N, C-alpha and C. Protein backbone atom coordinates (compact mmCIF):
# COMPACT_ATOMS: atom_id res chain seq x y z
N MET A 1 0.23 -44.35 -8.38
CA MET A 1 -0.13 -43.18 -7.44
C MET A 1 -0.09 -41.95 -8.38
N SER A 2 -1.11 -41.18 -8.20
CA SER A 2 -1.24 -39.94 -9.13
C SER A 2 -0.48 -38.89 -8.25
N GLU A 3 -0.16 -37.78 -8.99
CA GLU A 3 0.49 -36.56 -8.39
C GLU A 3 -0.33 -35.99 -7.22
N GLU A 4 -1.71 -36.04 -7.50
CA GLU A 4 -2.72 -35.48 -6.53
C GLU A 4 -2.70 -36.36 -5.27
N ASP A 5 -2.38 -37.59 -5.30
CA ASP A 5 -2.42 -38.64 -4.09
C ASP A 5 -1.26 -38.13 -3.11
N VAL A 6 -0.28 -37.53 -3.54
CA VAL A 6 0.83 -37.25 -2.57
C VAL A 6 0.60 -35.98 -1.85
N ILE A 7 -0.36 -35.15 -2.23
CA ILE A 7 -0.48 -33.78 -1.55
C ILE A 7 -1.26 -34.08 -0.22
N PRO A 8 -0.72 -33.56 0.80
CA PRO A 8 -1.41 -33.73 2.10
C PRO A 8 -2.70 -32.92 2.10
N PRO A 9 -3.60 -33.35 2.82
CA PRO A 9 -5.07 -32.66 2.82
C PRO A 9 -4.89 -31.12 3.10
N ALA A 10 -4.10 -30.73 4.20
CA ALA A 10 -3.95 -29.39 4.49
C ALA A 10 -3.48 -28.47 3.42
N ALA A 11 -2.43 -29.17 2.64
CA ALA A 11 -1.79 -28.34 1.53
C ALA A 11 -2.72 -28.26 0.25
N ARG A 12 -3.56 -29.38 0.20
CA ARG A 12 -4.65 -29.43 -0.88
C ARG A 12 -5.60 -28.33 -0.58
N LEU A 13 -6.00 -28.27 0.61
CA LEU A 13 -7.04 -27.14 0.82
C LEU A 13 -6.54 -25.72 0.65
N LEU A 14 -5.27 -25.41 1.09
CA LEU A 14 -4.77 -24.09 0.80
C LEU A 14 -4.58 -23.92 -0.74
N ARG A 15 -4.01 -24.79 -1.40
CA ARG A 15 -3.82 -24.76 -2.87
C ARG A 15 -5.04 -24.47 -3.60
N ASP A 16 -6.06 -25.22 -3.21
CA ASP A 16 -7.54 -25.04 -3.85
C ASP A 16 -7.98 -23.72 -3.47
N PHE A 17 -7.83 -23.15 -2.26
CA PHE A 17 -8.38 -21.94 -1.92
C PHE A 17 -7.70 -20.85 -2.76
N VAL A 18 -6.38 -20.82 -2.81
CA VAL A 18 -5.67 -19.82 -3.69
C VAL A 18 -6.09 -20.02 -5.07
N ASN A 19 -6.57 -21.24 -5.61
CA ASN A 19 -6.95 -21.32 -6.97
C ASN A 19 -8.32 -20.98 -7.30
N THR A 20 -9.09 -20.40 -6.24
CA THR A 20 -10.34 -19.98 -6.50
C THR A 20 -10.38 -18.71 -7.55
N PHE A 21 -9.27 -18.17 -7.74
CA PHE A 21 -9.21 -17.14 -8.76
C PHE A 21 -8.04 -17.62 -9.73
N GLU A 22 -8.38 -17.62 -11.01
CA GLU A 22 -7.39 -17.99 -11.95
C GLU A 22 -6.82 -16.68 -12.76
N PRO A 23 -5.78 -16.20 -12.38
CA PRO A 23 -5.33 -14.87 -12.99
C PRO A 23 -5.16 -15.02 -14.48
N GLN A 24 -4.76 -16.12 -14.98
CA GLN A 24 -4.42 -16.21 -16.41
C GLN A 24 -5.72 -15.90 -17.26
N ILE A 25 -6.81 -16.37 -16.78
CA ILE A 25 -8.07 -16.06 -17.55
C ILE A 25 -9.02 -15.16 -16.71
N ASP A 26 -8.61 -14.55 -15.73
CA ASP A 26 -9.33 -13.66 -14.96
C ASP A 26 -10.71 -14.26 -14.57
N GLU A 27 -10.57 -15.37 -14.00
CA GLU A 27 -11.86 -16.14 -13.57
C GLU A 27 -11.97 -16.20 -12.07
N GLU A 28 -12.87 -15.48 -11.62
CA GLU A 28 -13.06 -15.53 -10.16
C GLU A 28 -14.29 -16.50 -9.70
N SER A 29 -14.08 -17.44 -8.90
CA SER A 29 -15.05 -18.36 -8.33
C SER A 29 -15.87 -17.92 -7.23
N LEU A 30 -15.20 -16.96 -6.49
CA LEU A 30 -15.80 -16.39 -5.30
C LEU A 30 -16.45 -15.04 -5.62
N THR A 31 -17.54 -15.03 -6.29
CA THR A 31 -18.14 -13.82 -6.80
C THR A 31 -19.34 -13.30 -5.98
N ALA A 32 -19.64 -13.98 -4.89
CA ALA A 32 -20.65 -13.52 -3.93
C ALA A 32 -20.35 -14.33 -2.59
N PRO A 33 -20.97 -13.64 -1.57
CA PRO A 33 -20.77 -14.27 -0.28
C PRO A 33 -21.30 -15.77 -0.30
N GLU A 34 -22.36 -16.01 -0.93
CA GLU A 34 -22.90 -17.34 -1.02
C GLU A 34 -22.03 -18.28 -1.70
N ARG A 35 -21.23 -17.92 -2.72
CA ARG A 35 -20.44 -18.84 -3.38
C ARG A 35 -19.06 -19.00 -2.42
N LEU A 36 -18.81 -18.08 -1.63
CA LEU A 36 -17.58 -18.36 -0.69
C LEU A 36 -18.14 -19.29 0.44
N ARG A 37 -19.43 -19.09 0.94
CA ARG A 37 -20.07 -19.99 1.95
C ARG A 37 -20.13 -21.46 1.41
N ASP A 38 -20.59 -21.55 0.04
CA ASP A 38 -20.50 -22.97 -0.51
C ASP A 38 -19.24 -23.59 -0.62
N TRP A 39 -18.13 -22.86 -1.03
CA TRP A 39 -16.87 -23.39 -1.08
C TRP A 39 -16.40 -23.92 0.20
N PHE A 40 -16.60 -23.11 1.29
CA PHE A 40 -16.18 -23.56 2.59
C PHE A 40 -17.07 -24.60 3.09
N ALA A 41 -18.33 -24.74 2.77
CA ALA A 41 -19.13 -25.81 3.26
C ALA A 41 -18.82 -27.17 2.47
N GLU A 42 -18.50 -27.04 1.24
CA GLU A 42 -18.07 -28.23 0.47
C GLU A 42 -16.95 -28.94 1.06
N ARG A 43 -16.09 -28.16 1.85
CA ARG A 43 -14.93 -28.56 2.37
C ARG A 43 -15.11 -28.94 4.01
N ARG A 44 -16.37 -28.67 4.38
CA ARG A 44 -16.84 -28.91 5.81
C ARG A 44 -16.18 -28.08 6.79
N LEU A 45 -15.86 -26.78 6.25
CA LEU A 45 -15.26 -25.69 7.21
C LEU A 45 -16.31 -24.83 7.54
N LEU A 46 -17.63 -24.92 7.16
CA LEU A 46 -18.76 -24.05 7.48
C LEU A 46 -20.06 -24.92 7.35
N ARG A 47 -21.04 -24.56 8.04
CA ARG A 47 -22.30 -25.19 7.89
C ARG A 47 -22.91 -24.70 6.47
N PRO A 48 -23.72 -25.42 5.76
CA PRO A 48 -24.35 -24.92 4.52
C PRO A 48 -25.15 -23.84 4.73
N ASP A 49 -25.85 -23.61 5.92
CA ASP A 49 -26.79 -22.52 6.09
C ASP A 49 -26.10 -21.33 6.85
N ALA A 50 -24.72 -21.31 6.83
CA ALA A 50 -23.90 -20.18 7.42
C ALA A 50 -24.30 -18.90 6.63
N ARG A 51 -24.23 -17.80 7.37
CA ARG A 51 -24.33 -16.49 6.56
C ARG A 51 -23.16 -15.72 6.52
N LEU A 52 -22.83 -15.39 5.31
CA LEU A 52 -21.59 -14.49 5.15
C LEU A 52 -22.05 -13.25 4.48
N ARG A 53 -21.26 -12.15 4.75
CA ARG A 53 -21.49 -10.77 4.16
C ARG A 53 -20.49 -10.48 3.18
N ALA A 54 -20.81 -9.33 2.50
CA ALA A 54 -19.89 -8.89 1.39
C ALA A 54 -18.55 -8.55 2.05
N ALA A 55 -18.54 -8.02 3.21
CA ALA A 55 -17.30 -7.64 4.06
C ALA A 55 -16.58 -8.94 4.26
N ASP A 56 -17.16 -10.16 4.50
CA ASP A 56 -16.60 -11.46 4.79
C ASP A 56 -15.77 -11.89 3.49
N LEU A 57 -16.59 -11.64 2.34
CA LEU A 57 -15.94 -12.07 1.01
C LEU A 57 -14.79 -11.17 0.85
N ALA A 58 -14.74 -10.00 1.07
CA ALA A 58 -13.62 -9.04 0.87
C ALA A 58 -12.43 -9.56 1.74
N VAL A 59 -12.62 -9.90 2.98
CA VAL A 59 -11.54 -10.41 3.89
C VAL A 59 -11.01 -11.74 3.28
N ALA A 60 -11.95 -12.49 2.82
CA ALA A 60 -11.43 -13.91 2.33
C ALA A 60 -10.58 -13.62 1.05
N VAL A 61 -11.03 -12.91 0.20
CA VAL A 61 -10.20 -12.57 -1.11
C VAL A 61 -8.93 -11.86 -0.66
N THR A 62 -8.82 -10.94 0.31
CA THR A 62 -7.50 -10.47 0.78
C THR A 62 -6.54 -11.63 1.31
N VAL A 63 -7.16 -12.53 2.15
CA VAL A 63 -6.36 -13.60 2.69
C VAL A 63 -5.81 -14.36 1.43
N ARG A 64 -6.77 -14.75 0.53
CA ARG A 64 -6.24 -15.57 -0.55
C ARG A 64 -5.24 -15.01 -1.46
N GLU A 65 -5.40 -13.69 -1.75
CA GLU A 65 -4.34 -13.02 -2.54
C GLU A 65 -3.03 -12.88 -1.71
N GLY A 66 -3.05 -12.78 -0.34
CA GLY A 66 -1.84 -12.65 0.44
C GLY A 66 -1.23 -14.00 0.43
N LEU A 67 -1.97 -15.16 0.55
CA LEU A 67 -1.40 -16.40 0.47
C LEU A 67 -0.83 -16.71 -0.88
N ARG A 68 -1.38 -16.14 -1.90
CA ARG A 68 -0.73 -16.34 -3.18
C ARG A 68 0.55 -15.58 -3.32
N ALA A 69 0.69 -14.39 -2.67
CA ALA A 69 2.08 -13.71 -2.44
C ALA A 69 3.03 -14.59 -1.78
N VAL A 70 2.67 -15.15 -0.71
CA VAL A 70 3.53 -15.95 0.03
C VAL A 70 3.97 -17.18 -0.66
N LEU A 71 3.10 -17.81 -1.51
CA LEU A 71 3.50 -18.91 -2.33
C LEU A 71 4.42 -18.47 -3.42
N LEU A 72 4.34 -17.23 -3.85
CA LEU A 72 5.22 -16.78 -4.88
C LEU A 72 6.56 -16.72 -4.35
N GLY A 73 6.61 -16.27 -3.01
CA GLY A 73 8.02 -16.36 -2.41
C GLY A 73 8.46 -17.79 -2.26
N HIS A 74 7.72 -18.63 -2.06
CA HIS A 74 8.13 -20.08 -1.91
C HIS A 74 8.78 -20.57 -3.28
N ALA A 75 8.19 -19.88 -4.36
CA ALA A 75 8.85 -20.32 -5.68
C ALA A 75 10.13 -19.56 -6.00
N GLY A 76 10.62 -18.75 -5.08
CA GLY A 76 11.77 -17.96 -5.35
C GLY A 76 11.66 -16.69 -5.95
N HIS A 77 10.47 -16.01 -5.97
CA HIS A 77 10.17 -14.77 -6.53
C HIS A 77 10.05 -13.73 -5.33
N PRO A 78 10.17 -12.51 -5.64
CA PRO A 78 9.86 -11.54 -4.58
C PRO A 78 8.41 -11.45 -4.43
N ALA A 79 7.96 -11.65 -3.08
CA ALA A 79 6.44 -11.53 -2.82
C ALA A 79 6.09 -9.96 -2.76
N ASP A 80 4.83 -9.81 -3.22
CA ASP A 80 4.22 -8.57 -3.24
C ASP A 80 4.17 -8.04 -1.64
N ALA A 81 4.94 -7.03 -1.34
CA ALA A 81 4.92 -6.56 -0.05
C ALA A 81 3.50 -5.98 0.48
N ALA A 82 2.86 -5.39 -0.41
CA ALA A 82 1.67 -4.80 -0.24
C ALA A 82 0.55 -5.88 0.10
N ALA A 83 0.66 -6.91 -0.65
CA ALA A 83 -0.17 -8.04 -0.47
C ALA A 83 0.02 -8.76 0.91
N LEU A 84 1.20 -8.77 1.25
CA LEU A 84 1.59 -9.43 2.50
C LEU A 84 1.14 -8.52 3.64
N HIS A 85 1.24 -7.23 3.54
CA HIS A 85 0.66 -6.31 4.56
C HIS A 85 -0.69 -6.48 4.68
N ARG A 86 -1.44 -6.47 3.56
CA ARG A 86 -2.98 -6.57 3.64
C ARG A 86 -3.30 -8.01 4.40
N LEU A 87 -2.54 -9.03 3.98
CA LEU A 87 -2.86 -10.33 4.58
C LEU A 87 -2.68 -10.22 6.16
N ASP A 88 -1.59 -9.53 6.61
CA ASP A 88 -1.40 -9.39 8.00
C ASP A 88 -2.50 -8.55 8.62
N GLN A 89 -2.87 -7.55 7.95
CA GLN A 89 -3.97 -6.82 8.45
C GLN A 89 -5.31 -7.58 8.63
N ALA A 90 -5.47 -8.24 7.51
CA ALA A 90 -6.78 -9.14 7.66
C ALA A 90 -6.87 -10.08 8.62
N LEU A 91 -5.58 -10.74 8.85
CA LEU A 91 -5.51 -11.86 9.84
C LEU A 91 -5.58 -11.30 11.26
N ALA A 92 -5.16 -10.07 11.43
CA ALA A 92 -5.14 -9.48 12.81
C ALA A 92 -6.72 -9.38 13.34
N GLY A 93 -7.63 -9.34 12.29
CA GLY A 93 -8.97 -9.26 12.70
C GLY A 93 -9.67 -10.56 12.81
N VAL A 94 -9.01 -11.58 12.79
CA VAL A 94 -9.39 -13.01 12.99
C VAL A 94 -8.70 -13.64 14.16
N PRO A 95 -9.29 -13.41 15.42
CA PRO A 95 -8.63 -14.07 16.52
C PRO A 95 -8.86 -15.48 16.60
N VAL A 96 -7.72 -16.30 16.83
CA VAL A 96 -7.61 -17.71 16.98
C VAL A 96 -7.14 -18.15 18.20
N ARG A 97 -7.33 -19.32 18.66
CA ARG A 97 -6.93 -19.82 19.81
C ARG A 97 -6.51 -21.26 19.59
N MET A 98 -5.67 -21.79 20.39
CA MET A 98 -5.16 -23.19 20.23
C MET A 98 -6.13 -24.08 21.17
N THR A 99 -6.59 -25.20 20.50
CA THR A 99 -7.35 -26.15 21.42
C THR A 99 -6.86 -27.47 21.38
N PHE A 100 -6.78 -28.16 22.50
CA PHE A 100 -6.19 -29.44 22.61
C PHE A 100 -7.09 -30.60 22.84
N THR A 101 -7.00 -31.68 22.27
CA THR A 101 -7.79 -32.80 22.41
C THR A 101 -6.88 -34.07 22.61
N ASP A 102 -7.47 -35.09 22.81
CA ASP A 102 -6.65 -36.41 23.00
C ASP A 102 -6.04 -36.75 21.52
N CYS A 103 -6.50 -36.25 20.52
CA CYS A 103 -5.91 -36.57 19.08
C CYS A 103 -4.83 -35.50 18.83
N GLY A 104 -4.66 -34.43 19.61
CA GLY A 104 -3.66 -33.41 19.20
C GLY A 104 -4.22 -31.94 19.39
N HIS A 105 -3.70 -31.07 18.61
CA HIS A 105 -4.12 -29.71 18.80
C HIS A 105 -4.44 -28.97 17.44
N ARG A 106 -5.13 -27.87 17.54
CA ARG A 106 -5.46 -27.21 16.24
C ARG A 106 -5.75 -25.75 16.60
N LEU A 107 -5.81 -24.94 15.60
CA LEU A 107 -6.25 -23.51 15.85
C LEU A 107 -7.68 -23.46 15.53
N VAL A 108 -8.39 -22.75 16.25
CA VAL A 108 -9.90 -22.59 16.02
C VAL A 108 -10.26 -21.20 16.33
N ALA A 109 -11.40 -20.75 15.80
CA ALA A 109 -11.87 -19.33 15.99
C ALA A 109 -12.09 -19.08 17.46
N ALA A 110 -11.63 -17.84 17.83
CA ALA A 110 -11.93 -17.38 19.13
C ALA A 110 -13.28 -16.73 19.39
N ARG A 111 -13.88 -16.31 18.30
CA ARG A 111 -15.18 -15.81 18.12
C ARG A 111 -16.15 -16.81 17.56
N ASP A 112 -17.43 -16.59 17.84
CA ASP A 112 -18.25 -17.47 17.20
C ASP A 112 -19.06 -16.87 15.88
N ASN A 113 -18.32 -16.57 14.92
CA ASN A 113 -18.92 -16.11 13.61
C ASN A 113 -18.38 -16.88 12.45
N ALA A 114 -19.12 -16.93 11.36
CA ALA A 114 -18.88 -17.96 10.37
C ALA A 114 -17.46 -17.66 9.55
N ILE A 115 -17.19 -16.37 9.23
CA ILE A 115 -15.84 -16.16 8.64
C ILE A 115 -14.78 -16.55 9.52
N ASP A 116 -14.86 -16.24 10.83
CA ASP A 116 -13.67 -16.49 11.71
C ASP A 116 -13.46 -17.98 11.71
N HIS A 117 -14.55 -18.80 11.72
CA HIS A 117 -14.43 -20.17 11.73
C HIS A 117 -13.82 -20.73 10.53
N ALA A 118 -14.11 -20.22 9.29
CA ALA A 118 -13.51 -20.63 8.05
C ALA A 118 -12.05 -20.20 7.98
N LEU A 119 -11.78 -19.03 8.29
CA LEU A 119 -10.27 -18.54 8.14
C LEU A 119 -9.49 -19.16 9.25
N ALA A 120 -10.00 -19.45 10.44
CA ALA A 120 -9.29 -20.20 11.44
C ALA A 120 -8.80 -21.61 10.87
N ALA A 121 -9.82 -22.13 10.16
CA ALA A 121 -9.47 -23.46 9.51
C ALA A 121 -8.45 -23.46 8.40
N LEU A 122 -8.36 -22.31 7.77
CA LEU A 122 -7.25 -22.01 6.80
C LEU A 122 -6.00 -21.89 7.55
N LEU A 123 -5.93 -21.11 8.63
CA LEU A 123 -4.79 -20.82 9.35
C LEU A 123 -4.31 -22.13 9.98
N ASP A 124 -5.24 -23.00 10.46
CA ASP A 124 -4.70 -24.23 10.99
C ASP A 124 -4.23 -25.18 9.96
N ALA A 125 -4.59 -25.02 8.57
CA ALA A 125 -3.95 -25.77 7.61
C ALA A 125 -2.57 -25.30 7.36
N VAL A 126 -2.37 -24.00 7.43
CA VAL A 126 -0.93 -23.44 7.32
C VAL A 126 -0.06 -24.12 8.51
N ARG A 127 -0.70 -24.19 9.79
CA ARG A 127 -0.08 -24.72 10.85
C ARG A 127 0.31 -26.16 10.54
N GLN A 128 -0.68 -26.97 10.02
CA GLN A 128 -0.50 -28.37 9.76
C GLN A 128 0.66 -28.52 8.59
N CYS A 129 0.59 -27.63 7.64
CA CYS A 129 1.50 -27.77 6.57
C CYS A 129 3.07 -27.55 7.08
N GLY A 130 3.13 -26.61 8.18
CA GLY A 130 4.44 -26.28 8.74
C GLY A 130 4.93 -27.55 9.53
N GLU A 131 4.00 -28.19 10.28
CA GLU A 131 4.41 -29.32 10.89
C GLU A 131 4.81 -30.57 10.08
N GLU A 132 4.02 -30.59 8.93
CA GLU A 132 4.30 -31.82 7.98
C GLU A 132 5.46 -31.54 6.99
N GLN A 133 5.93 -30.24 7.05
CA GLN A 133 7.05 -29.79 6.21
C GLN A 133 6.67 -29.79 4.74
N SER A 134 5.34 -29.46 4.56
CA SER A 134 4.82 -29.29 3.23
C SER A 134 4.61 -27.75 2.74
N TRP A 135 4.70 -26.94 3.77
CA TRP A 135 4.31 -25.56 3.62
C TRP A 135 5.19 -25.00 2.35
N THR A 136 6.50 -25.08 2.34
CA THR A 136 7.31 -24.45 1.31
C THR A 136 7.16 -25.18 0.08
N ARG A 137 6.49 -26.34 -0.03
CA ARG A 137 6.24 -27.05 -1.37
C ARG A 137 5.09 -26.51 -2.14
N LEU A 138 4.21 -25.64 -1.25
CA LEU A 138 3.12 -24.95 -1.97
C LEU A 138 3.74 -23.72 -2.67
N LYS A 139 3.51 -23.57 -3.94
CA LYS A 139 4.12 -22.50 -4.71
C LYS A 139 3.03 -21.98 -5.74
N VAL A 140 3.32 -20.85 -6.50
CA VAL A 140 2.54 -20.53 -7.47
C VAL A 140 3.58 -20.53 -8.74
N CYS A 141 2.91 -20.74 -9.93
CA CYS A 141 3.63 -20.76 -11.27
C CYS A 141 4.51 -19.63 -11.44
N ALA A 142 5.67 -19.82 -11.90
CA ALA A 142 6.66 -18.86 -12.30
C ALA A 142 6.10 -18.01 -13.58
N ARG A 143 5.37 -18.55 -14.32
CA ARG A 143 4.88 -17.86 -15.50
C ARG A 143 3.96 -16.61 -15.02
N ASP A 144 4.48 -15.42 -15.28
CA ASP A 144 3.92 -14.20 -14.61
C ASP A 144 2.41 -14.08 -14.95
N THR A 145 1.92 -14.66 -16.19
CA THR A 145 0.47 -14.42 -16.51
C THR A 145 -0.35 -15.52 -15.91
N CYS A 146 0.19 -16.54 -15.25
CA CYS A 146 -0.50 -17.66 -14.71
C CYS A 146 -0.73 -17.61 -13.27
N ARG A 147 0.35 -17.80 -12.40
CA ARG A 147 0.28 -17.66 -10.96
C ARG A 147 -0.68 -18.66 -10.32
N TRP A 148 -0.89 -19.76 -11.08
CA TRP A 148 -1.71 -20.81 -10.46
C TRP A 148 -0.94 -21.57 -9.31
N ALA A 149 -1.61 -21.87 -8.26
CA ALA A 149 -0.94 -22.52 -7.25
C ALA A 149 -0.80 -23.99 -7.42
N TYR A 150 0.39 -24.57 -6.97
CA TYR A 150 0.54 -26.05 -7.14
C TYR A 150 1.46 -26.56 -5.91
N TYR A 151 1.41 -27.81 -5.81
CA TYR A 151 2.23 -28.42 -4.85
C TYR A 151 3.41 -29.15 -5.50
N ASP A 152 4.65 -28.69 -5.07
CA ASP A 152 5.84 -29.20 -5.68
C ASP A 152 6.21 -30.56 -5.02
N ALA A 153 5.91 -31.55 -5.58
CA ALA A 153 6.19 -32.83 -5.11
C ALA A 153 7.60 -33.31 -5.53
N SER A 154 8.38 -32.62 -6.25
CA SER A 154 9.66 -33.10 -6.79
C SER A 154 10.55 -33.22 -5.67
N ARG A 155 11.51 -34.09 -5.81
CA ARG A 155 12.58 -34.62 -4.84
C ARG A 155 13.41 -33.28 -4.31
N ASN A 156 13.96 -32.49 -5.21
CA ASN A 156 14.62 -31.40 -4.82
C ASN A 156 13.87 -30.10 -4.65
N GLN A 157 12.47 -30.11 -4.85
CA GLN A 157 11.62 -29.00 -4.71
C GLN A 157 12.04 -27.88 -5.56
N ALA A 158 12.44 -28.13 -6.83
CA ALA A 158 12.78 -27.13 -7.69
C ALA A 158 11.89 -26.89 -8.84
N ARG A 159 10.71 -27.49 -8.76
CA ARG A 159 9.76 -27.18 -9.77
C ARG A 159 9.34 -25.73 -9.83
N ARG A 160 9.12 -25.20 -11.12
CA ARG A 160 8.96 -23.76 -11.20
C ARG A 160 7.58 -23.45 -11.90
N TRP A 161 6.96 -24.31 -12.47
CA TRP A 161 5.65 -24.24 -13.25
C TRP A 161 4.65 -25.06 -12.77
N CYS A 162 3.35 -24.69 -12.93
CA CYS A 162 2.20 -25.44 -12.46
C CYS A 162 2.15 -26.88 -13.24
N SER A 163 2.55 -26.60 -14.57
CA SER A 163 2.69 -27.87 -15.43
C SER A 163 3.77 -27.53 -16.50
N MET A 164 4.57 -28.73 -16.65
CA MET A 164 5.66 -28.62 -17.59
C MET A 164 5.10 -28.57 -18.97
N ALA A 165 3.95 -29.24 -19.27
CA ALA A 165 3.43 -29.28 -20.51
C ALA A 165 2.82 -28.01 -20.91
N GLY A 166 2.27 -27.22 -20.06
CA GLY A 166 1.68 -25.92 -20.37
C GLY A 166 2.71 -24.89 -20.11
N CYS A 167 2.70 -24.37 -18.94
CA CYS A 167 3.43 -23.10 -18.68
C CYS A 167 5.00 -23.29 -18.83
N GLY A 168 5.50 -24.44 -18.45
CA GLY A 168 6.92 -24.77 -18.58
C GLY A 168 7.41 -24.66 -19.93
N ASN A 169 6.62 -25.49 -20.75
CA ASN A 169 6.82 -25.44 -22.17
C ASN A 169 6.78 -24.10 -22.84
N TYR A 170 5.78 -23.26 -22.51
CA TYR A 170 5.72 -21.94 -23.05
C TYR A 170 6.85 -21.06 -22.69
N VAL A 171 7.26 -21.11 -21.45
CA VAL A 171 8.37 -20.30 -21.04
C VAL A 171 9.67 -20.59 -21.74
N LYS A 172 9.96 -22.03 -21.73
CA LYS A 172 11.11 -22.47 -22.37
C LYS A 172 11.16 -22.18 -23.81
N MET A 173 9.97 -22.14 -24.48
CA MET A 173 9.91 -21.97 -25.98
C MET A 173 10.27 -20.47 -26.15
N ARG A 174 9.79 -19.57 -25.35
CA ARG A 174 9.98 -18.02 -25.50
C ARG A 174 11.41 -17.88 -25.20
N ARG A 175 12.16 -18.46 -24.20
CA ARG A 175 13.46 -18.28 -23.97
C ARG A 175 14.37 -18.76 -25.20
N ALA A 176 14.09 -19.93 -25.81
CA ALA A 176 14.79 -20.31 -26.90
C ALA A 176 14.56 -19.44 -28.06
N TYR A 177 13.44 -18.97 -28.32
CA TYR A 177 13.15 -18.05 -29.49
C TYR A 177 14.02 -16.84 -29.31
N ALA A 178 13.91 -16.33 -28.04
CA ALA A 178 14.81 -15.02 -27.75
C ALA A 178 16.40 -15.28 -27.97
N ALA A 179 16.84 -16.54 -27.52
CA ALA A 179 18.19 -16.80 -27.68
C ALA A 179 18.60 -16.98 -29.26
N ARG A 180 17.65 -17.65 -29.97
CA ARG A 180 17.89 -17.71 -31.54
C ARG A 180 17.93 -16.40 -32.07
N THR A 181 16.99 -15.44 -31.71
CA THR A 181 16.98 -14.02 -32.24
C THR A 181 18.20 -13.35 -31.94
N ARG A 182 18.68 -13.49 -30.74
CA ARG A 182 19.97 -12.70 -30.48
C ARG A 182 21.08 -13.30 -31.23
N ARG A 183 21.13 -14.72 -31.36
CA ARG A 183 22.32 -15.23 -32.15
C ARG A 183 22.32 -14.83 -33.64
N LYS A 184 21.13 -14.80 -34.14
CA LYS A 184 20.92 -14.24 -35.45
C LYS A 184 21.32 -12.80 -35.63
N GLY A 185 20.94 -12.08 -34.75
CA GLY A 185 21.32 -10.66 -34.77
C GLY A 185 22.76 -10.31 -34.60
N ASN A 186 23.30 -11.22 -33.74
CA ASN A 186 24.88 -11.07 -33.44
C ASN A 186 25.68 -11.67 -34.70
N ALA A 187 25.14 -12.61 -35.39
CA ALA A 187 25.75 -13.24 -36.54
C ALA A 187 25.62 -12.14 -37.71
N ALA A 188 24.64 -11.44 -37.92
CA ALA A 188 24.42 -10.50 -38.96
C ALA A 188 25.08 -9.15 -38.63
N GLY A 189 25.82 -9.03 -37.46
CA GLY A 189 26.37 -7.98 -37.10
C GLY A 189 25.68 -6.70 -36.60
N GLY A 190 24.39 -7.05 -36.35
CA GLY A 190 23.49 -5.92 -35.79
C GLY A 190 23.03 -6.39 -34.43
N THR A 191 22.14 -5.59 -33.95
CA THR A 191 21.56 -5.89 -32.59
C THR A 191 20.15 -6.40 -32.97
N PRO A 192 19.73 -7.43 -32.18
CA PRO A 192 18.42 -8.08 -32.46
C PRO A 192 17.29 -7.08 -31.98
N ALA A 193 16.17 -7.26 -32.96
CA ALA A 193 15.06 -6.48 -32.61
C ALA A 193 14.33 -6.95 -31.37
N ARG A 194 13.68 -6.08 -30.58
CA ARG A 194 13.02 -6.44 -29.38
C ARG A 194 11.51 -6.38 -29.59
């Protein structure tokens, strides 16, 4: 079983949404309303012919970066309060309601417009993650230049990096180098260079 196989679908959706922007290389996937629509349509959250506007894209990006801030908090770092405030403001404009079926319940858009349907599906994914107890397992990488979202499937939920081989190794090597430099400076009777 691969690491990807243990991720619940709702958590995977949220992780993948946050990862539509990769801070480390400044790569944005959602560059136009049509790209946002296609991303949601590929996940069956919108019809392929749905129309989105530039303002819808701006709201979606605000929600994405707010979620990234929340996941940073899950990783034990202070969340960006401004990003959380913008997330709250953006979501205040997306009315949702609870709907019940014989299979359970879910959050759906209270209005009939495309962006509300897509964002309501994301909010329902947050609800599902909370119920499945997978919400706090969604985190972003502790490496400040990375901030890639990942699912922490470790038993003690103490994972800090998106990958140990990449970011984890980089951070540990930098710490080891800094410690060696300090020891050398202390042994020579001076203070280490910074």
